[in-house]
Amino acid sequence: MRGRVDQQENMWFTMRSEDFVPETHPLRGIKKLADAELARLSPVFNKAYAKSGRRSVPPERLIKATLLQALFSIRSERQLCEQIFRWFLDLKPDDPVFDPTTFTKNRDRL
């Protein structure tokens, strides 16, 4: 089952991940472009996932993580998960980071 990005803010945190990223940071523009293109591809992702079952990590999140891996020359998916950019991936401060094997499983699916 396709996972979704939860946009609701956590009531236990007074700061959002976005608050730590300067307005002039180059990733802000890249994130805006990536989010727009991934929204356009949403119907394609819907077809790749079953309607029932355990929720997956949202494919948008994995694709954006792979984009970061390329932009920052991060050598491995394990290293990427250690250096994860929570704001860019729409992760809340208390959200768990996904396991590196998630990339392999979703790459095979897409």
PDB file of N, CA and C in Angstrom:
ATOM      1  N   MET A   1       0.852  -1.168   0.000  1.00  0.00           N
ATOM      2  CA  MET A   1       0.000   0.000   0.000  1.00  0.00           C
ATOM      3  C   MET A   1       0.900   1.235   0.000  1.00  0.00           C
ATOM      4  N   ARG A   2       0.555   2.183  -0.807  1.00  0.00           N
ATOM      5  CA  ARG A   2       1.351   3.400  -0.934  1.00  0.00           C
ATOM      6  C   ARG A   2       1.228   4.263   0.307  1.00  0.00           C
ATOM      7  N   GLY A   3       2.357   4.654   0.876  1.00  0.00           N
ATOM      8  CA  GLY A   3       2.367   5.557   2.020  1.00  0.00           C
ATOM      9  C   GLY A   3       2.103   6.986   1.576  1.00  0.00           C
ATOM     10  N   ARG A   4       1.688   7.795   2.478  1.00  0.00           N
ATOM     11  CA  ARG A   4       1.389   9.206   2.193  1.00  0.00           C
ATOM     12  C   ARG A   4       2.243  10.094   3.091  1.00  0.00           C
ATOM     13  N   VAL A   5       2.520  11.302   2.629  1.00  0.00           N
ATOM     14  CA  VAL A   5       3.238  12.286   3.430  1.00  0.00           C
ATOM     15  C   VAL A   5       2.213  13.009   4.284  1.00  0.00           C
ATOM     16  N   ASP A   6       2.389  12.934   5.596  1.00  0.00           N
ATOM     17  CA  ASP A   6       1.478  13.586   6.533  1.00  0.00           C
ATOM     18  C   ASP A   6       1.912  15.038   6.709  1.00  0.00           C
ATOM     19  N   GLN A   7       1.064  15.979   6.339  1.00  0.00           N
ATOM     20  CA  GLN A   7       1.399  17.404   6.394  1.00  0.00           C
ATOM     21  C   GLN A   7       1.045  18.055   7.733  1.00  0.00           C
ATOM     22  N   GLN A   8       0.379  17.319   8.613  1.00  0.00           N
ATOM     23  CA  GLN A   8      -0.038  17.903   9.881  1.00  0.00           C
ATOM     24  C   GLN A   8       1.162  18.062  10.806  1.00  0.00           C
ATOM     25  N   GLU A   9       1.284  19.227  11.411  1.00  0.00           N
ATOM     26  CA  GLU A   9       2.392  19.498  12.318  1.00  0.00           C
ATOM     27  C   GLU A   9       2.185  18.763  13.637  1.00  0.00           C
ATOM     28  N   ASN A  10       3.296  18.403  14.260  1.00  0.00           N
ATOM     29  CA  ASN A  10       3.262  17.719  15.540  1.00  0.00           C
ATOM     30  C   ASN A  10       3.059  18.743  16.650  1.00  0.00           C
ATOM     31  N   MET A  11       2.144  18.467  17.554  1.00  0.00           N
ATOM     32  CA  MET A  11       1.854  19.433  18.611  1.00  0.00           C
ATOM     33  C   MET A  11       2.935  19.493  19.684  1.00  0.00           C
ATOM     34  N   TRP A  12       3.871  18.551  19.693  1.00  0.00           N
ATOM     35  CA  TRP A  12       4.909  18.513  20.724  1.00  0.00           C
ATOM     36  C   TRP A  12       6.141  19.327  20.349  1.00  0.00           C
ATOM     37  N   PHE A  13       6.219  19.779  19.118  1.00  0.00           N
ATOM     38  CA  PHE A  13       7.375  20.546  18.674  1.00  0.00           C
ATOM     39  C   PHE A  13       6.934  21.955  18.304  1.00  0.00           C
ATOM     40  N   THR A  14       7.667  22.939  18.809  1.00  0.00           N
ATOM     41  CA  THR A  14       7.321  24.321  18.491  1.00  0.00           C
ATOM     42  C   THR A  14       8.016  24.800  17.222  1.00  0.00           C
ATOM     43  N   MET A  15       9.039  24.081  16.784  1.00  0.00           N
ATOM     44  CA  MET A  15       9.757  24.442  15.564  1.00  0.00           C
ATOM     45  C   MET A  15       9.493  23.381  14.503  1.00  0.00           C
ATOM     46  N   ARG A  16       9.350  23.819  13.274  1.00  0.00           N
ATOM     47  CA  ARG A  16       9.221  22.898  12.153  1.00  0.00           C
ATOM     48  C   ARG A  16      10.597  22.719  11.529  1.00  0.00           C
ATOM     49  N   SER A  17      10.806  21.602  10.851  1.00  0.00           N
ATOM     50  CA  SER A  17      12.085  21.374  10.171  1.00  0.00           C
ATOM     51  C   SER A  17      12.383  22.522   9.218  1.00  0.00           C
ATOM     52  N   GLU A  18      11.354  23.036   8.579  1.00  0.00           N
ATOM     53  CA  GLU A  18      11.511  24.128   7.620  1.00  0.00           C
ATOM     54  C   GLU A  18      12.086  25.387   8.266  1.00  0.00           C
ATOM     55  N   ASP A  19      11.836  25.576   9.568  1.00  0.00           N
ATOM     56  CA  ASP A  19      12.327  26.761  10.266  1.00  0.00           C
ATOM     57  C   ASP A  19      13.852  26.798  10.359  1.00  0.00           C
ATOM     58  N   PHE A  20      14.511  25.666  10.179  1.00  0.00           N
ATOM     59  CA  PHE A  20      15.967  25.592  10.289  1.00  0.00           C
ATOM     60  C   PHE A  20      16.672  25.835   8.955  1.00  0.00           C
ATOM     61  N   VAL A  21      15.916  25.961   7.883  1.00  0.00           N
ATOM     62  CA  VAL A  21      16.500  26.122   6.546  1.00  0.00           C
ATOM     63  C   VAL A  21      16.349  27.581   6.117  1.00  0.00           C
ATOM     64  N   PRO A  22      17.474  28.258   5.851  1.00  0.00           N
ATOM     65  CA  PRO A  22      17.388  29.665   5.442  1.00  0.00           C
ATOM     66  C   PRO A  22      16.555  29.835   4.164  1.00  0.00           C
ATOM     67  N   GLU A  23      15.879  30.958   4.066  1.00  0.00           N
ATOM     68  CA  GLU A  23      15.037  31.245   2.898  1.00  0.00           C
ATOM     69  C   GLU A  23      15.834  31.240   1.597  1.00  0.00           C
ATOM     70  N   THR A  24      17.115  31.564   1.671  1.00  0.00           N
ATOM     71  CA  THR A  24      17.943  31.660   0.466  1.00  0.00           C
ATOM     72  C   THR A  24      18.681  30.364   0.143  1.00  0.00           C
ATOM     73  N   HIS A  25      18.432  29.306   0.889  1.00  0.00           N
ATOM     74  CA  HIS A  25      19.148  28.041   0.652  1.00  0.00           C
ATOM     75  C   HIS A  25      18.769  27.485  -0.724  1.00  0.00           C
ATOM     76  N   PRO A  26      19.759  27.018  -1.503  1.00  0.00           N
ATOM     77  CA  PRO A  26      19.473  26.511  -2.852  1.00  0.00           C
ATOM     78  C   PRO A  26      18.509  25.325  -2.885  1.00  0.00           C
ATOM     79  N   LEU A  27      18.461  24.542  -1.820  1.00  0.00           N
ATOM     80  CA  LEU A  27      17.558  23.389  -1.807  1.00  0.00           C
ATOM     81  C   LEU A  27      16.088  23.793  -1.799  1.00  0.00           C
ATOM     82  N   ARG A  28      15.785  25.006  -1.365  1.00  0.00           N
ATOM     83  CA  ARG A  28      14.378  25.440  -1.357  1.00  0.00           C
ATOM     84  C   ARG A  28      13.803  25.441  -2.773  1.00  0.00           C
ATOM     85  N   GLY A  29      14.544  25.966  -3.723  1.00  0.00           N
ATOM     86  CA  GLY A  29      14.084  25.978  -5.116  1.00  0.00           C
ATOM     87  C   GLY A  29      14.010  24.585  -5.703  1.00  0.00           C
ATOM     88  N   ILE A  30      15.006  23.768  -5.383  1.00  0.00           N
ATOM     89  CA  ILE A  30      15.023  22.388  -5.877  1.00  0.00           C
ATOM     90  C   ILE A  30      13.843  21.617  -5.308  1.00  0.00           C
ATOM     91  N   LYS A  31      13.560  21.813  -4.018  1.00  0.00           N
ATOM     92  CA  LYS A  31      12.438  21.119  -3.376  1.00  0.00           C
ATOM     93  C   LYS A  31      11.111  21.524  -4.023  1.00  0.00           C
ATOM     94  N   LYS A  32      10.964  22.805  -4.316  1.00  0.00           N
ATOM     95  CA  LYS A  32       9.726  23.287  -4.938  1.00  0.00           C
ATOM     96  C   LYS A  32       9.520  22.621  -6.303  1.00  0.00           C
ATOM     97  N   LEU A  33      10.578  22.558  -7.103  1.00  0.00           N
ATOM     98  CA  LEU A  33      10.492  21.911  -8.420  1.00  0.00           C
ATOM     99  C   LEU A  33      10.221  20.413  -8.289  1.00  0.00           C
ATOM    100  N   ALA A  34      10.927  19.766  -7.361  1.00  0.00           N
ATOM    101  CA  ALA A  34      10.749  18.320  -7.168  1.00  0.00           C
ATOM    102  C   ALA A  34       9.331  18.012  -6.702  1.00  0.00           C
ATOM    103  N   ASP A  35       8.819  18.790  -5.749  1.00  0.00           N
ATOM    104  CA  ASP A  35       7.459  18.557  -5.248  1.00  0.00           C
ATOM    105  C   ASP A  35       6.422  18.717  -6.354  1.00  0.00           C
ATOM    106  N   ALA A  36       6.604  19.718  -7.217  1.00  0.00           N
ATOM    107  CA  ALA A  36       5.652  19.941  -8.315  1.00  0.00           C
ATOM    108  C   ALA A  36       5.676  18.764  -9.295  1.00  0.00           C
ATOM    109  N   GLU A  37       6.854  18.304  -9.649  1.00  0.00           N
ATOM    110  CA  GLU A  37       6.957  17.194 -10.600  1.00  0.00           C
ATOM    111  C   GLU A  37       6.437  15.893  -9.985  1.00  0.00           C
ATOM    112  N   LEU A  38       6.725  15.662  -8.710  1.00  0.00           N
ATOM    113  CA  LEU A  38       6.241  14.444  -8.054  1.00  0.00           C
ATOM    114  C   LEU A  38       4.720  14.464  -7.904  1.00  0.00           C
ATOM    115  N   ALA A  39       4.140  15.627  -7.694  1.00  0.00           N
ATOM    116  CA  ALA A  39       2.676  15.729  -7.639  1.00  0.00           C
ATOM    117  C   ALA A  39       2.078  15.360  -8.997  1.00  0.00           C
ATOM    118  N   ARG A  40       2.741  15.760 -10.070  1.00  0.00           N
ATOM    119  CA  ARG A  40       2.275  15.423 -11.414  1.00  0.00           C
ATOM    120  C   ARG A  40       2.359  13.918 -11.661  1.00  0.00           C
ATOM    121  N   LEU A  41       3.353  13.266 -11.056  1.00  0.00           N
ATOM    122  CA  LEU A  41       3.546  11.823 -11.243  1.00  0.00           C
ATOM    123  C   LEU A  41       2.724  10.967 -10.276  1.00  0.00           C
ATOM    124  N   SER A  42       1.991  11.586  -9.390  1.00  0.00           N
ATOM    125  CA  SER A  42       1.230  10.851  -8.378  1.00  0.00           C
ATOM    126  C   SER A  42       0.340   9.745  -8.952  1.00  0.00           C
ATOM    127  N   PRO A  43      -0.384   9.968 -10.056  1.00  0.00           N
ATOM    128  CA  PRO A  43      -1.205   8.886 -10.619  1.00  0.00           C
ATOM    129  C   PRO A  43      -0.373   7.672 -11.052  1.00  0.00           C
ATOM    130  N   VAL A  44       0.831   7.917 -11.523  1.00  0.00           N
ATOM    131  CA  VAL A  44       1.720   6.815 -11.917  1.00  0.00           C
ATOM    132  C   VAL A  44       2.101   5.998 -10.686  1.00  0.00           C
ATOM    133  N   PHE A  45       2.417   6.682  -9.592  1.00  0.00           N
ATOM    134  CA  PHE A  45       2.775   5.986  -8.356  1.00  0.00           C
ATOM    135  C   PHE A  45       1.589   5.181  -7.827  1.00  0.00           C
ATOM    136  N   ASN A  46       0.391   5.742  -7.916  1.00  0.00           N
ATOM    137  CA  ASN A  46      -0.799   5.033  -7.428  1.00  0.00           C
ATOM    138  C   ASN A  46      -0.964   3.675  -8.101  1.00  0.00           C
ATOM    139  N   LYS A  47      -0.655   3.600  -9.386  1.00  0.00           N
ATOM    140  CA  LYS A  47      -0.800   2.344 -10.128  1.00  0.00           C
ATOM    141  C   LYS A  47       0.227   1.294  -9.715  1.00  0.00           C
ATOM    142  N   ALA A  48       1.346   1.722  -9.136  1.00  0.00           N
ATOM    143  CA  ALA A  48       2.425   0.797  -8.780  1.00  0.00           C
ATOM    144  C   ALA A  48       2.215   0.134  -7.421  1.00  0.00           C
ATOM    145  N   TYR A  49       1.224   0.577  -6.660  1.00  0.00           N
ATOM    146  CA  TYR A  49       1.020   0.070  -5.306  1.00  0.00           C
ATOM    147  C   TYR A  49      -0.342  -0.595  -5.160  1.00  0.00           C
ATOM    148  N   ALA A  50      -0.399  -1.606  -4.308  1.00  0.00           N
ATOM    149  CA  ALA A  50      -1.658  -2.293  -4.010  1.00  0.00           C
ATOM    150  C   ALA A  50      -2.564  -1.370  -3.195  1.00  0.00           C
ATOM    151  N   LYS A  51      -3.853  -1.653  -3.222  1.00  0.00           N
ATOM    152  CA  LYS A  51      -4.823  -0.849  -2.468  1.00  0.00           C
ATOM    153  C   LYS A  51      -4.868  -1.230  -0.993  1.00  0.00           C
ATOM    154  N   SER A  52      -4.390  -2.427  -0.661  1.00  0.00           N
ATOM    155  CA  SER A  52      -4.418  -2.865   0.736  1.00  0.00           C
ATOM    156  C   SER A  52      -3.026  -3.336   1.138  1.00  0.00           C
ATOM    157  N   GLY A  53      -2.864  -3.565   2.432  1.00  0.00           N
ATOM    158  CA  GLY A  53      -1.581  -4.029   2.945  1.00  0.00           C
ATOM    159  C   GLY A  53      -0.935  -2.986   3.832  1.00  0.00           C
ATOM    160  N   ARG A  54       0.285  -3.275   4.207  1.00  0.00           N
ATOM    161  CA  ARG A  54       1.031  -2.369   5.073  1.00  0.00           C
ATOM    162  C   ARG A  54       1.489  -1.158   4.264  1.00  0.00           C
ATOM    163  N   ARG A  55       1.412   0.014   4.874  1.00  0.00           N
ATOM    164  CA  ARG A  55       1.822   1.240   4.183  1.00  0.00           C
ATOM    165  C   ARG A  55       3.328   1.245   3.944  1.00  0.00           C
ATOM    166  N   SER A  56       3.706   1.725   2.782  1.00  0.00           N
ATOM    167  CA  SER A  56       5.118   1.837   2.429  1.00  0.00           C
ATOM    168  C   SER A  56       5.626   3.240   2.757  1.00  0.00           C
ATOM    169  N   VAL A  57       6.920   3.416   2.611  1.00  0.00           N
ATOM    170  CA  VAL A  57       7.469   4.769   2.643  1.00  0.00           C
ATOM    171  C   VAL A  57       6.985   5.439   1.358  1.00  0.00           C
ATOM    172  N   PRO A  58       6.461   6.655   1.429  1.00  0.00           N
ATOM    173  CA  PRO A  58       5.952   7.299   0.218  1.00  0.00           C
ATOM    174  C   PRO A  58       7.024   7.358  -0.878  1.00  0.00           C
ATOM    175  N   PRO A  59       6.671   7.004  -2.110  1.00  0.00           N
ATOM    176  CA  PRO A  59       7.663   7.012  -3.187  1.00  0.00           C
ATOM    177  C   PRO A  59       8.256   8.404  -3.418  1.00  0.00           C
ATOM    178  N   GLU A  60       7.473   9.439  -3.185  1.00  0.00           N
ATOM    179  CA  GLU A  60       7.985  10.802  -3.334  1.00  0.00           C
ATOM    180  C   GLU A  60       9.165  11.035  -2.393  1.00  0.00           C
ATOM    181  N   ARG A  61       9.052  10.518  -1.185  1.00  0.00           N
ATOM    182  CA  ARG A  61      10.112  10.690  -0.189  1.00  0.00           C
ATOM    183  C   ARG A  61      11.383   9.964  -0.630  1.00  0.00           C
ATOM    184  N   LEU A  62      11.227   8.766  -1.172  1.00  0.00           N
ATOM    185  CA  LEU A  62      12.392   7.999  -1.619  1.00  0.00           C
ATOM    186  C   LEU A  62      13.053   8.636  -2.838  1.00  0.00           C
ATOM    187  N   ILE A  63      12.257   9.157  -3.744  1.00  0.00           N
ATOM    188  CA  ILE A  63      12.823   9.805  -4.932  1.00  0.00           C
ATOM    189  C   ILE A  63      13.561  11.081  -4.536  1.00  0.00           C
ATOM    190  N   LYS A  64      12.988  11.854  -3.617  1.00  0.00           N
ATOM    191  CA  LYS A  64      13.676  13.061  -3.162  1.00  0.00           C
ATOM    192  C   LYS A  64      14.960  12.704  -2.409  1.00  0.00           C
ATOM    193  N   ALA A  65      14.958  11.612  -1.667  1.00  0.00           N
ATOM    194  CA  ALA A  65      16.178  11.171  -0.979  1.00  0.00           C
ATOM    195  C   ALA A  65      17.251  10.787  -1.992  1.00  0.00           C
ATOM    196  N   THR A  66      16.855  10.116  -3.065  1.00  0.00           N
ATOM    197  CA  THR A  66      17.803   9.747  -4.119  1.00  0.00           C
ATOM    198  C   THR A  66      18.351  10.997  -4.808  1.00  0.00           C
ATOM    199  N   LEU A  67      17.520  12.014  -4.982  1.00  0.00           N
ATOM    200  CA  LEU A  67      17.975  13.281  -5.544  1.00  0.00           C
ATOM    201  C   LEU A  67      19.042  13.909  -4.644  1.00  0.00           C
ATOM    202  N   LEU A  68      18.800  13.907  -3.335  1.00  0.00           N
ATOM    203  CA  LEU A  68      19.800  14.427  -2.397  1.00  0.00           C
ATOM    204  C   LEU A  68      21.095  13.628  -2.469  1.00  0.00           C
ATOM    205  N   GLN A  69      20.967  12.323  -2.602  1.00  0.00           N
ATOM    206  CA  GLN A  69      22.147  11.465  -2.695  1.00  0.00           C
ATOM    207  C   GLN A  69      23.006  11.883  -3.889  1.00  0.00           C
ATOM    208  N   ALA A  70      22.375  12.166  -5.009  1.00  0.00           N
ATOM    209  CA  ALA A  70      23.112  12.587  -6.205  1.00  0.00           C
ATOM    210  C   ALA A  70      23.684  14.002  -6.043  1.00  0.00           C
ATOM    211  N   LEU A  71      22.893  14.920  -5.524  1.00  0.00           N
ATOM    212  CA  LEU A  71      23.340  16.310  -5.382  1.00  0.00           C
ATOM    213  C   LEU A  71      24.522  16.455  -4.434  1.00  0.00           C
ATOM    214  N   PHE A  72      24.545  15.639  -3.377  1.00  0.00           N
ATOM    215  CA  PHE A  72      25.585  15.761  -2.361  1.00  0.00           C
ATOM    216  C   PHE A  72      26.633  14.653  -2.447  1.00  0.00           C
ATOM    217  N   SER A  73      26.621  13.893  -3.538  1.00  0.00           N
ATOM    218  CA  SER A  73      27.610  12.827  -3.776  1.00  0.00           C
ATOM    219  C   SER A  73      27.745  11.886  -2.579  1.00  0.00           C
ATOM    220  N   ILE A  74      26.608  11.455  -2.060  1.00  0.00           N
ATOM    221  CA  ILE A  74      26.609  10.514  -0.939  1.00  0.00           C
ATOM    222  C   ILE A  74      26.744   9.119  -1.529  1.00  0.00           C
ATOM    223  N   ARG A  75      27.759   8.368  -1.079  1.00  0.00           N
ATOM    224  CA  ARG A  75      28.160   7.128  -1.738  1.00  0.00           C
ATOM    225  C   ARG A  75      27.192   5.967  -1.591  1.00  0.00           C
ATOM    226  N   SER A  76      26.499   5.867  -0.475  1.00  0.00           N
ATOM    227  CA  SER A  76      25.657   4.688  -0.274  1.00  0.00           C
ATOM    228  C   SER A  76      24.316   5.082   0.328  1.00  0.00           C
ATOM    229  N   GLU A  77      23.345   4.201   0.173  1.00  0.00           N
ATOM    230  CA  GLU A  77      22.023   4.455   0.751  1.00  0.00           C
ATOM    231  C   GLU A  77      22.083   4.417   2.274  1.00  0.00           C
ATOM    232  N   ARG A  78      22.951   3.591   2.819  1.00  0.00           N
ATOM    233  CA  ARG A  78      23.120   3.544   4.276  1.00  0.00           C
ATOM    234  C   ARG A  78      23.647   4.887   4.785  1.00  0.00           C
ATOM    235  N   GLN A  79      24.639   5.424   4.099  1.00  0.00           N
ATOM    236  CA  GLN A  79      25.191   6.721   4.481  1.00  0.00           C
ATOM    237  C   GLN A  79      24.144   7.821   4.302  1.00  0.00           C
ATOM    238  N   LEU A  80      23.343   7.728   3.267  1.00  0.00           N
ATOM    239  CA  LEU A  80      22.275   8.702   3.039  1.00  0.00           C
ATOM    240  C   LEU A  80      21.296   8.709   4.213  1.00  0.00           C
ATOM    241  N   CYS A  81      20.916   7.521   4.681  1.00  0.00           N
ATOM    242  CA  CYS A  81      19.966   7.435   5.796  1.00  0.00           C
ATOM    243  C   CYS A  81      20.559   8.028   7.074  1.00  0.00           C
ATOM    244  N   GLU A  82      21.878   7.949   7.223  1.00  0.00           N
ATOM    245  CA  GLU A  82      22.526   8.547   8.391  1.00  0.00           C
ATOM    246  C   GLU A  82      22.534  10.073   8.300  1.00  0.00           C
ATOM    247  N   GLN A  83      22.587  10.602   7.082  1.00  0.00           N
ATOM    248  CA  GLN A  83      22.694  12.048   6.882  1.00  0.00           C
ATOM    249  C   GLN A  83      21.374  12.662   6.417  1.00  0.00           C
ATOM    250  N   ILE A  84      20.284  11.969   6.608  1.00  0.00           N
ATOM    251  CA  ILE A  84      18.999  12.338   6.019  1.00  0.00           C
ATOM    252  C   ILE A  84      18.633  13.805   6.278  1.00  0.00           C
ATOM    253  N   PHE A  85      18.082  14.437   5.281  1.00  0.00           N
ATOM    254  CA  PHE A  85      17.653  15.825   5.358  1.00  0.00           C
ATOM    255  C   PHE A  85      16.153  15.809   5.650  1.00  0.00           C
ATOM    256  N   ARG A  86      15.793  15.948   6.900  1.00  0.00           N
ATOM    257  CA  ARG A  86      14.398  15.809   7.314  1.00  0.00           C
ATOM    258  C   ARG A  86      13.482  16.816   6.618  1.00  0.00           C
ATOM    259  N   TRP A  87      13.908  18.049   6.522  1.00  0.00           N
ATOM    260  CA  TRP A  87      13.047  19.075   5.926  1.00  0.00           C
ATOM    261  C   TRP A  87      12.746  18.761   4.463  1.00  0.00           C
ATOM    262  N   PHE A  88      13.766  18.409   3.690  1.00  0.00           N
ATOM    263  CA  PHE A  88      13.591  18.171   2.261  1.00  0.00           C
ATOM    264  C   PHE A  88      12.650  17.002   2.012  1.00  0.00           C
ATOM    265  N   LEU A  89      12.664  16.012   2.908  1.00  0.00           N
ATOM    266  CA  LEU A  89      11.833  14.818   2.743  1.00  0.00           C
ATOM    267  C   LEU A  89      10.500  14.921   3.472  1.00  0.00           C
ATOM    268  N   ASP A  90      10.192  16.076   4.031  1.00  0.00           N
ATOM    269  CA  ASP A  90       8.938  16.288   4.767  1.00  0.00           C
ATOM    270  C   ASP A  90       8.815  15.355   5.965  1.00  0.00           C
ATOM    271  N   LEU A  91       9.939  15.079   6.627  1.00  0.00           N
ATOM    272  CA  LEU A  91       9.918  14.268   7.847  1.00  0.00           C
ATOM    273  C   LEU A  91       9.821  15.197   9.051  1.00  0.00           C
ATOM    274  N   LYS A  92       9.002  14.840  10.002  1.00  0.00           N
ATOM    275  CA  LYS A  92       8.898  15.600  11.242  1.00  0.00           C
ATOM    276  C   LYS A  92      10.092  15.234  12.135  1.00  0.00           C
ATOM    277  N   PRO A  93      10.411  16.063  13.128  1.00  0.00           N
ATOM    278  CA  PRO A  93      11.568  15.770  13.980  1.00  0.00           C
ATOM    279  C   PRO A  93      11.515  14.404  14.661  1.00  0.00           C
ATOM    280  N   ASP A  94      10.328  13.901  14.942  1.00  0.00           N
ATOM    281  CA  ASP A  94      10.224  12.615  15.633  1.00  0.00           C
ATOM    282  C   ASP A  94       9.910  11.446  14.701  1.00  0.00           C
ATOM    283  N   ASP A  95       9.817  11.690  13.387  1.00  0.00           N
ATOM    284  CA  ASP A  95       9.573  10.598  12.436  1.00  0.00           C
ATOM    285  C   ASP A  95      10.810   9.715  12.338  1.00  0.00           C
ATOM    286  N   PRO A  96      10.617   8.401  12.305  1.00  0.00           N
ATOM    287  CA  PRO A  96      11.781   7.524  12.137  1.00  0.00           C
ATOM    288  C   PRO A  96      12.307   7.614  10.704  1.00  0.00           C
ATOM    289  N   VAL A  97      13.606   7.467  10.564  1.00  0.00           N
ATOM    290  CA  VAL A  97      14.223   7.432   9.237  1.00  0.00           C
ATOM    291  C   VAL A  97      14.067   6.018   8.711  1.00  0.00           C
ATOM    292  N   PHE A  98      13.774   5.871   7.423  1.00  0.00           N
ATOM    293  CA  PHE A  98      13.545   4.546   6.855  1.00  0.00           C
ATOM    294  C   PHE A  98      14.844   3.761   6.729  1.00  0.00           C
ATOM    295  N   ASP A  99      14.695   2.456   6.658  1.00  0.00           N
ATOM    296  CA  ASP A  99      15.819   1.537   6.533  1.00  0.00           C
ATOM    297  C   ASP A  99      16.398   1.611   5.121  1.00  0.00           C
ATOM    298  N   PRO A 100      17.720   1.499   4.975  1.00  0.00           N
ATOM    299  CA  PRO A 100      18.320   1.561   3.635  1.00  0.00           C
ATOM    300  C   PRO A 100      17.782   0.515   2.660  1.00  0.00           C
ATOM    301  N   THR A 101      17.320  -0.630   3.157  1.00  0.00           N
ATOM    302  CA  THR A 101      16.798  -1.667   2.255  1.00  0.00           C
ATOM    303  C   THR A 101      15.499  -1.230   1.581  1.00  0.00           C
ATOM    304  N   THR A 102      14.856  -0.205   2.119  1.00  0.00           N
ATOM    305  CA  THR A 102      13.626   0.316   1.528  1.00  0.00           C
ATOM    306  C   THR A 102      13.875   0.796   0.099  1.00  0.00           C
ATOM    307  N   PHE A 103      15.060   1.347  -0.153  1.00  0.00           N
ATOM    308  CA  PHE A 103      15.394   1.814  -1.502  1.00  0.00           C
ATOM    309  C   PHE A 103      15.362   0.665  -2.495  1.00  0.00           C
ATOM    310  N   THR A 104      15.973  -0.446  -2.133  1.00  0.00           N
ATOM    311  CA  THR A 104      16.038  -1.599  -3.030  1.00  0.00           C
ATOM    312  C   THR A 104      14.645  -2.096  -3.371  1.00  0.00           C
ATOM    313  N   LYS A 105      13.814  -2.250  -2.362  1.00  0.00           N
ATOM    314  CA  LYS A 105      12.463  -2.770  -2.573  1.00  0.00           C
ATOM    315  C   LYS A 105      11.650  -1.842  -3.475  1.00  0.00           C
ATOM    316  N   ASN A 106      11.734  -0.536  -3.232  1.00  0.00           N
ATOM    317  CA  ASN A 106      10.947   0.407  -4.025  1.00  0.00           C
ATOM    318  C   ASN A 106      11.532   0.632  -5.409  1.00  0.00           C
ATOM    319  N   ARG A 107      12.835   0.537  -5.557  1.00  0.00           N
ATOM    320  CA  ARG A 107      13.447   0.669  -6.878  1.00  0.00           C
ATOM    321  C   ARG A 107      12.973  -0.465  -7.771  1.00  0.00           C
ATOM    322  N   ASP A 108      12.880  -1.664  -7.201  1.00  0.00           N
ATOM    323  CA  ASP A 108      12.384  -2.807  -7.967  1.00  0.00           C
ATOM    324  C   ASP A 108      10.927  -2.592  -8.386  1.00  0.00           C
ATOM    325  N   ARG A 109      10.125  -1.980  -7.509  1.00  0.00           N
ATOM    326  CA  ARG A 109       8.707  -1.765  -7.791  1.00  0.00           C
ATOM    327  C   ARG A 109       8.510  -0.733  -8.894  1.00  0.00           C
ATOM    328  N   LEU A 110       9.306   0.336  -8.854  1.00  0.00           N
ATOM    329  CA  LEU A 110       9.125   1.422  -9.821  1.00  0.00           C
ATOM    330  C   LEU A 110       9.988   1.205 -11.044  1.00  0.00           C
TER     331      LEU A 110
END
